[in-house]
PDB file of N, CA and C in Angstrom:
ATOM      1  N   MET A   1       3.628  -6.342  22.245  1.00  0.00           N
ATOM      2  CA  MET A   1       2.076  -6.458  21.694  1.00  0.00           C
ATOM      3  C   MET A   1       1.720  -7.796  21.305  1.00  0.00           C
ATOM      4  N   SER A   2       2.604  -8.452  21.000  1.00  0.00           N
ATOM      5  CA  SER A   2       2.133  -9.847  20.277  1.00  0.00           C
ATOM      6  C   SER A   2       1.518 -10.882  21.031  1.00  0.00           C
ATOM      7  N   ASP A   3       1.755 -10.943  22.321  1.00  0.00           N
ATOM      8  CA  ASP A   3       1.011 -11.977  23.150  1.00  0.00           C
ATOM      9  C   ASP A   3      -0.279 -11.887  23.504  1.00  0.00           C
ATOM     10  N   TRP A   4      -0.598 -10.603  23.830  1.00  0.00           N
ATOM     11  CA  TRP A   4      -2.024 -10.272  24.246  1.00  0.00           C
ATOM     12  C   TRP A   4      -2.777 -10.264  22.821  1.00  0.00           C
ATOM     13  N   LEU A   5      -2.257  -9.615  21.948  1.00  0.00           N
ATOM     14  CA  LEU A   5      -3.359  -9.643  20.657  1.00  0.00           C
ATOM     15  C   LEU A   5      -3.380 -11.134  20.078  1.00  0.00           C
ATOM     16  N   LYS A   6      -2.527 -11.856  20.136  1.00  0.00           N
ATOM     17  CA  LYS A   6      -2.558 -13.418  19.558  1.00  0.00           C
ATOM     18  C   LYS A   6      -3.411 -14.046  20.466  1.00  0.00           C
ATOM     19  N   GLN A   7      -3.460 -13.736  21.954  1.00  0.00           N
ATOM     20  CA  GLN A   7      -4.459 -14.382  22.752  1.00  0.00           C
ATOM     21  C   GLN A   7      -5.963 -13.871  22.331  1.00  0.00           C
ATOM     22  N   ALA A   8      -6.071 -12.596  22.048  1.00  0.00           N
ATOM     23  CA  ALA A   8      -7.470 -12.399  21.824  1.00  0.00           C
ATOM     24  C   ALA A   8      -7.813 -12.749  20.596  1.00  0.00           C
ATOM     25  N   ARG A   9      -6.911 -12.996  19.685  1.00  0.00           N
ATOM     26  CA  ARG A   9      -7.428 -13.692  18.350  1.00  0.00           C
ATOM     27  C   ARG A   9      -7.806 -15.128  18.539  1.00  0.00           C
ATOM     28  N   LEU A  10      -6.948 -15.882  19.247  1.00  0.00           N
ATOM     29  CA  LEU A  10      -7.143 -17.387  19.293  1.00  0.00           C
ATOM     30  C   LEU A  10      -8.595 -17.661  20.340  1.00  0.00           C
ATOM     31  N   SER A  11      -8.981 -16.627  21.196  1.00  0.00           N
ATOM     32  CA  SER A  11      -9.858 -16.720  22.040  1.00  0.00           C
ATOM     33  C   SER A  11     -11.242 -16.536  21.225  1.00  0.00           C
ATOM     34  N   LYS A  12     -11.158 -15.896  19.993  1.00  0.00           N
ATOM     35  CA  LYS A  12     -12.486 -15.781  19.228  1.00  0.00           C
ATOM     36  C   LYS A  12     -12.305 -16.970  18.119  1.00  0.00           C
ATOM     37  N   GLY A  13     -11.291 -17.841  18.069  1.00  0.00           N
ATOM     38  CA  GLY A  13     -11.233 -18.989  17.400  1.00  0.00           C
ATOM     39  C   GLY A  13     -10.890 -18.469  15.691  1.00  0.00           C
ATOM     40  N   PHE A  14     -10.148 -17.255  15.689  1.00  0.00           N
ATOM     41  CA  PHE A  14      -9.697 -16.934  14.344  1.00  0.00           C
ATOM     42  C   PHE A  14      -8.189 -17.140  13.920  1.00  0.00           C
ATOM     43  N   THR A  15      -7.901 -17.484  12.727  1.00  0.00           N
ATOM     44  CA  THR A  15      -6.689 -17.600  12.362  1.00  0.00           C
ATOM     45  C   THR A  15      -6.344 -16.146  12.014  1.00  0.00           C
ATOM     46  N   GLN A  16      -4.846 -16.019  11.688  1.00  0.00           N
ATOM     47  CA  GLN A  16      -4.516 -14.642  11.297  1.00  0.00           C
ATOM     48  C   GLN A  16      -5.174 -14.121   9.976  1.00  0.00           C
ATOM     49  N   GLU A  17      -5.311 -15.257   8.976  1.00  0.00           N
ATOM     50  CA  GLU A  17      -5.908 -14.889   7.912  1.00  0.00           C
ATOM     51  C   GLU A  17      -7.428 -14.602   7.888  1.00  0.00           C
ATOM     52  N   THR A  18      -8.119 -15.312   8.786  1.00  0.00           N
ATOM     53  CA  THR A  18      -9.473 -14.848   9.036  1.00  0.00           C
ATOM     54  C   THR A  18      -9.646 -13.581   9.458  1.00  0.00           C
ATOM     55  N   LEU A  19      -9.020 -13.395  10.635  1.00  0.00           N
ATOM     56  CA  LEU A  19      -9.088 -11.905  11.201  1.00  0.00           C
ATOM     57  C   LEU A  19      -8.822 -11.002  10.039  1.00  0.00           C
ATOM     58  N   ALA A  20      -7.614 -10.979   9.528  1.00  0.00           N
ATOM     59  CA  ALA A  20      -7.376  -9.940   8.605  1.00  0.00           C
ATOM     60  C   ALA A  20      -8.237  -9.867   7.652  1.00  0.00           C
ATOM     61  N   ASN A  21      -8.911 -10.955   7.206  1.00  0.00           N
ATOM     62  CA  ASN A  21      -9.999 -10.586   6.241  1.00  0.00           C
ATOM     63  C   ASN A  21     -11.277 -10.012   6.787  1.00  0.00           C
ATOM     64  N   LYS A  22     -11.645 -10.233   7.782  1.00  0.00           N
ATOM     65  CA  LYS A  22     -12.696  -9.398   8.463  1.00  0.00           C
ATOM     66  C   LYS A  22     -12.590  -8.308   8.767  1.00  0.00           C
ATOM     67  N   ALA A  23     -11.196  -7.923   8.978  1.00  0.00           N
ATOM     68  CA  ALA A  23     -10.753  -6.380   9.448  1.00  0.00           C
ATOM     69  C   ALA A  23     -10.369  -5.502   7.851  1.00  0.00           C
ATOM     70  N   GLY A  24     -10.260  -6.393   6.820  1.00  0.00           N
ATOM     71  CA  GLY A  24     -10.199  -5.766   5.514  1.00  0.00           C
ATOM     72  C   GLY A  24      -8.770  -5.296   5.315  1.00  0.00           C
ATOM     73  N   ILE A  25      -7.740  -6.054   6.118  1.00  0.00           N
ATOM     74  CA  ILE A  25      -6.254  -5.673   5.979  1.00  0.00           C
ATOM     75  C   ILE A  25      -5.684  -7.101   5.497  1.00  0.00           C
ATOM     76  N   ALA A  26      -4.299  -6.745   4.917  1.00  0.00           N
ATOM     77  CA  ALA A  26      -3.552  -8.036   4.304  1.00  0.00           C
ATOM     78  C   ALA A  26      -2.966  -8.775   5.603  1.00  0.00           C
ATOM     79  N   LYS A  27      -3.170 -10.091   5.355  1.00  0.00           N
ATOM     80  CA  LYS A  27      -2.475 -10.879   6.309  1.00  0.00           C
ATOM     81  C   LYS A  27      -1.206 -10.924   6.929  1.00  0.00           C
ATOM     82  N   THR A  28      -0.255 -10.284   6.030  1.00  0.00           N
ATOM     83  CA  THR A  28       1.051 -10.008   6.275  1.00  0.00           C
ATOM     84  C   THR A  28       1.074  -8.579   7.324  1.00  0.00           C
ATOM     85  N   THR A  29      -0.001  -7.777   7.080  1.00  0.00           N
ATOM     86  CA  THR A  29       0.096  -6.734   7.788  1.00  0.00           C
ATOM     87  C   THR A  29      -0.429  -6.811   9.140  1.00  0.00           C
ATOM     88  N   TYR A  30      -1.540  -7.716   9.403  1.00  0.00           N
ATOM     89  CA  TYR A  30      -1.992  -8.258  10.794  1.00  0.00           C
ATOM     90  C   TYR A  30      -0.889  -8.954  11.367  1.00  0.00           C
ATOM     91  N   ALA A  31      -0.275  -9.751  10.662  1.00  0.00           N
ATOM     92  CA  ALA A  31       0.890 -10.659  11.421  1.00  0.00           C
ATOM     93  C   ALA A  31       1.916  -9.734  11.765  1.00  0.00           C
ATOM     94  N   SER A  32       2.158  -8.697  11.173  1.00  0.00           N
ATOM     95  CA  SER A  32       3.329  -7.782  11.702  1.00  0.00           C
ATOM     96  C   SER A  32       2.837  -6.977  13.005  1.00  0.00           C
ATOM     97  N   TYR A  33       1.506  -6.823  13.212  1.00  0.00           N
ATOM     98  CA  TYR A  33       0.933  -6.332  14.292  1.00  0.00           C
ATOM     99  C   TYR A  33       1.329  -7.271  15.532  1.00  0.00           C
ATOM    100  N   GLU A  34       0.630  -8.231  15.461  1.00  0.00           N
ATOM    101  CA  GLU A  34       0.808  -9.643  16.377  1.00  0.00           C
ATOM    102  C   GLU A  34       2.489  -9.833  16.755  1.00  0.00           C
ATOM    103  N   GLN A  35       3.278  -9.681  15.786  1.00  0.00           N
ATOM    104  CA  GLN A  35       4.656  -9.946  15.987  1.00  0.00           C
ATOM    105  C   GLN A  35       5.260  -8.716  16.708  1.00  0.00           C
ATOM    106  N   GLY A  36       4.615  -7.491  16.773  1.00  0.00           N
ATOM    107  CA  GLY A  36       5.125  -6.361  17.428  1.00  0.00           C
ATOM    108  C   GLY A  36       6.109  -5.557  16.520  1.00  0.00           C
ATOM    109  N   GLN A  37       5.996  -6.018  14.977  1.00  0.00           N
ATOM    110  CA  GLN A  37       6.828  -5.070  14.379  1.00  0.00           C
ATOM    111  C   GLN A  37       6.513  -4.019  13.612  1.00  0.00           C
ATOM    112  N   ARG A  38       4.916  -3.795  13.889  1.00  0.00           N
ATOM    113  CA  ARG A  38       4.380  -2.451  13.269  1.00  0.00           C
ATOM    114  C   ARG A  38       3.157  -2.344  14.374  1.00  0.00           C
ATOM    115  N   ASN A  39       2.725  -0.914  14.372  1.00  0.00           N
ATOM    116  CA  ASN A  39       1.578  -0.692  14.945  1.00  0.00           C
ATOM    117  C   ASN A  39       0.450  -0.261  14.229  1.00  0.00           C
ATOM    118  N   PRO A  40      -0.706  -0.698  14.511  1.00  0.00           N
ATOM    119  CA  PRO A  40      -1.811  -0.255  13.763  1.00  0.00           C
ATOM    120  C   PRO A  40      -2.005   1.094  13.504  1.00  0.00           C
ATOM    121  N   SER A  41      -2.623   1.507  12.359  1.00  0.00           N
ATOM    122  CA  SER A  41      -3.367   2.911  12.520  1.00  0.00           C
ATOM    123  C   SER A  41      -4.470   2.905  13.337  1.00  0.00           C
ATOM    124  N   ILE A  42      -4.856   4.031  13.503  1.00  0.00           N
ATOM    125  CA  ILE A  42      -6.149   4.228  14.578  1.00  0.00           C
ATOM    126  C   ILE A  42      -7.256   3.541  14.008  1.00  0.00           C
ATOM    127  N   GLU A  43      -7.376   3.797  12.611  1.00  0.00           N
ATOM    128  CA  GLU A  43      -8.484   3.213  12.014  1.00  0.00           C
ATOM    129  C   GLU A  43      -8.458   1.472  12.112  1.00  0.00           C
ATOM    130  N   ASN A  44      -7.460   1.152  11.795  1.00  0.00           N
ATOM    131  CA  ASN A  44      -7.266  -0.504  11.868  1.00  0.00           C
ATOM    132  C   ASN A  44      -7.283  -0.740  13.304  1.00  0.00           C
ATOM    133  N   ALA A  45      -6.650  -0.048  14.192  1.00  0.00           N
ATOM    134  CA  ALA A  45      -6.957  -0.392  15.810  1.00  0.00           C
ATOM    135  C   ALA A  45      -8.460  -0.502  16.055  1.00  0.00           C
ATOM    136  N   LYS A  46      -9.078   0.298  15.734  1.00  0.00           N
ATOM    137  CA  LYS A  46     -10.620   0.488  15.885  1.00  0.00           C
ATOM    138  C   LYS A  46     -11.396  -0.790  15.510  1.00  0.00           C
ATOM    139  N   ILE A  47     -11.092  -1.198  14.141  1.00  0.00           N
ATOM    140  CA  ILE A  47     -11.634  -2.399  13.551  1.00  0.00           C
ATOM    141  C   ILE A  47     -11.316  -3.553  14.335  1.00  0.00           C
ATOM    142  N   LEU A  48      -9.965  -3.752  14.325  1.00  0.00           N
ATOM    143  CA  LEU A  48      -9.434  -4.994  15.041  1.00  0.00           C
ATOM    144  C   LEU A  48     -10.152  -5.004  16.626  1.00  0.00           C
ATOM    145  N   ALA A  49     -10.060  -3.874  17.318  1.00  0.00           N
ATOM    146  CA  ALA A  49     -10.759  -3.973  18.556  1.00  0.00           C
ATOM    147  C   ALA A  49     -12.204  -4.365  18.556  1.00  0.00           C
ATOM    148  N   LYS A  50     -13.007  -3.852  17.769  1.00  0.00           N
ATOM    149  CA  LYS A  50     -14.476  -4.122  17.591  1.00  0.00           C
ATOM    150  C   LYS A  50     -14.475  -5.629  17.291  1.00  0.00           C
ATOM    151  N   ILE A  51     -13.834  -6.250  16.267  1.00  0.00           N
ATOM    152  CA  ILE A  51     -14.031  -7.623  16.190  1.00  0.00           C
ATOM    153  C   ILE A  51     -13.540  -8.465  17.325  1.00  0.00           C
ATOM    154  N   LEU A  52     -12.527  -8.102  18.009  1.00  0.00           N
ATOM    155  CA  LEU A  52     -12.043  -8.870  19.153  1.00  0.00           C
ATOM    156  C   LEU A  52     -12.681  -8.658  20.489  1.00  0.00           C
ATOM    157  N   GLY A  53     -13.298  -7.577  20.557  1.00  0.00           N
ATOM    158  CA  GLY A  53     -14.095  -7.138  21.631  1.00  0.00           C
ATOM    159  C   GLY A  53     -13.278  -6.470  22.774  1.00  0.00           C
ATOM    160  N   PHE A  54     -12.226  -5.419  22.507  1.00  0.00           N
ATOM    161  CA  PHE A  54     -11.728  -4.728  23.520  1.00  0.00           C
ATOM    162  C   PHE A  54     -11.644  -3.322  22.999  1.00  0.00           C
ATOM    163  N   SER A  55     -11.073  -2.415  23.867  1.00  0.00           N
ATOM    164  CA  SER A  55     -10.914  -0.882  23.474  1.00  0.00           C
ATOM    165  C   SER A  55      -9.873  -0.697  22.599  1.00  0.00           C
ATOM    166  N   TRP A  56      -9.886   0.040  21.761  1.00  0.00           N
ATOM    167  CA  TRP A  56      -8.947   0.068  20.544  1.00  0.00           C
ATOM    168  C   TRP A  56      -7.647   0.842  20.975  1.00  0.00           C
ATOM    169  N   THR A  57      -7.946   1.504  22.072  1.00  0.00           N
ATOM    170  CA  THR A  57      -6.864   2.499  22.656  1.00  0.00           C
ATOM    171  C   THR A  57      -5.857   1.464  23.358  1.00  0.00           C
ATOM    172  N   ILE A  58      -6.087   0.320  23.659  1.00  0.00           N
ATOM    173  CA  ILE A  58      -4.907  -0.563  24.192  1.00  0.00           C
ATOM    174  C   ILE A  58      -3.695  -0.649  23.287  1.00  0.00           C
ATOM    175  N   PHE A  59      -3.835  -0.810  21.957  1.00  0.00           N
ATOM    176  CA  PHE A  59      -2.812  -0.550  21.091  1.00  0.00           C
ATOM    177  C   PHE A  59      -1.668   0.366  21.366  1.00  0.00           C
ATOM    178  N   PHE A  60      -2.250   1.597  21.756  1.00  0.00           N
ATOM    179  CA  PHE A  60      -1.445   2.709  21.862  1.00  0.00           C
ATOM    180  C   PHE A  60      -1.073   2.777  23.313  1.00  0.00           C
ATOM    181  N   GLU A  61      -1.888   2.435  24.346  1.00  0.00           N
ATOM    182  CA  GLU A  61      -1.619   2.577  25.822  1.00  0.00           C
ATOM    183  C   GLU A  61      -0.347   1.633  25.911  1.00  0.00           C
ATOM    184  N   ASN A  62      -0.076   0.478  25.294  1.00  0.00           N
ATOM    185  CA  ASN A  62       0.842  -0.355  25.546  1.00  0.00           C
ATOM    186  C   ASN A  62       2.349   0.215  24.684  1.00  0.00           C
ATOM    187  N   ARG A  63       1.989   0.871  23.785  1.00  0.00           N
ATOM    188  CA  ARG A  63       3.122   1.376  23.200  1.00  0.00           C
ATOM    189  C   ARG A  63       3.718   2.666  23.999  1.00  0.00           C
ATOM    190  N   VAL A  64       2.775   3.530  24.632  1.00  0.00           N
ATOM    191  CA  VAL A  64       3.272   4.713  25.503  1.00  0.00           C
ATOM    192  C   VAL A  64       3.982   3.982  26.726  1.00  0.00           C
ATOM    193  N   ARG A  65       3.385   2.835  27.215  1.00  0.00           N
ATOM    194  CA  ARG A  65       4.079   2.494  28.525  1.00  0.00           C
ATOM    195  C   ARG A  65       5.557   1.809  27.968  1.00  0.00           C
ATOM    196  N   GLU A  66       5.622   1.132  27.037  1.00  0.00           N
ATOM    197  CA  GLU A  66       6.913   0.790  26.663  1.00  0.00           C
ATOM    198  C   GLU A  66       7.925   1.942  26.231  1.00  0.00           C
ATOM    199  N   THR A  67       7.558   2.881  25.642  1.00  0.00           N
ATOM    200  CA  THR A  67       8.176   3.901  25.327  1.00  0.00           C
ATOM    201  C   THR A  67       8.720   4.687  26.491  1.00  0.00           C
ATOM    202  N   SER A  68       7.873   4.955  27.417  1.00  0.00           N
ATOM    203  CA  SER A  68       8.090   5.703  28.754  1.00  0.00           C
ATOM    204  C   SER A  68       9.143   4.968  29.463  1.00  0.00           C
ATOM    205  N   SER A  69       8.831   3.485  29.483  1.00  0.00           N
ATOM    206  CA  SER A  69       9.829   2.659  30.362  1.00  0.00           C
ATOM    207  C   SER A  69      11.380   2.748  29.847  1.00  0.00           C
ATOM    208  N   SER A  70      11.309   2.622  28.083  1.00  0.00           N
ATOM    209  CA  SER A  70      12.768   2.654  27.716  1.00  0.00           C
ATOM    210  C   SER A  70      13.219   4.071  27.811  1.00  0.00           C
ATOM    211  N   VAL A  71      12.731   4.976  27.839  1.00  0.00           N
ATOM    212  CA  VAL A  71      12.884   6.454  28.098  1.00  0.00           C
ATOM    213  C   VAL A  71      13.711   6.503  29.532  1.00  0.00           C
ATOM    214  N   GLY A  72      12.913   6.071  30.411  1.00  0.00           N
ATOM    215  CA  GLY A  72      13.437   6.111  32.025  1.00  0.00           C
ATOM    216  C   GLY A  72      14.576   5.455  31.962  1.00  0.00           C
ATOM    217  N   LYS A  73      14.800   4.091  31.376  1.00  0.00           N
ATOM    218  CA  LYS A  73      15.968   3.353  31.463  1.00  0.00           C
ATOM    219  C   LYS A  73      17.040   4.147  30.938  1.00  0.00           C
ATOM    220  N   LYS A  74      16.860   5.010  29.791  1.00  0.00           N
ATOM    221  CA  LYS A  74      17.886   5.568  29.318  1.00  0.00           C
ATOM    222  C   LYS A  74      18.568   6.626  30.186  1.00  0.00           C
ATOM    223  N   ARG A  75      17.519   7.280  30.796  1.00  0.00           N
ATOM    224  CA  ARG A  75      17.833   8.325  31.921  1.00  0.00           C
ATOM    225  C   ARG A  75      18.326   7.886  33.242  1.00  0.00           C
ATOM    226  N   GLY A  76      18.321   6.539  33.441  1.00  0.00           N
ATOM    227  CA  GLY A  76      18.683   5.934  34.674  1.00  0.00           C
ATOM    228  C   GLY A  76      17.463   5.908  35.758  1.00  0.00           C
ATOM    229  N   VAL A  77      16.135   6.002  35.211  1.00  0.00           N
ATOM    230  CA  VAL A  77      14.987   6.025  36.038  1.00  0.00           C
ATOM    231  C   VAL A  77      14.373   4.610  35.821  1.00  0.00           C
ATOM    232  N   GLY A  78      14.018   3.912  36.901  1.00  0.00           N
ATOM    233  CA  GLY A  78      13.022   2.791  36.705  1.00  0.00           C
ATOM    234  C   GLY A  78      13.961   1.770  36.633  1.00  0.00           C
TER     235      GLY A  78
END
């Protein structure tokens, strides 16, 4: 998740702290999203997506693709 989210933030000229403040979340929470350590709640995904200008579902679409990919690898598919 980290690269696309970081690029979206930088394209708007925000620091992690500025974006976190705009979204009403802790900077450490936002940083963990960007580092791929945590996934945002639906509420936070919607807020961040609105600020950054993309669909909130991308947070969960990426997670589904990664999960499906890793399941396929475990089963010998893909």
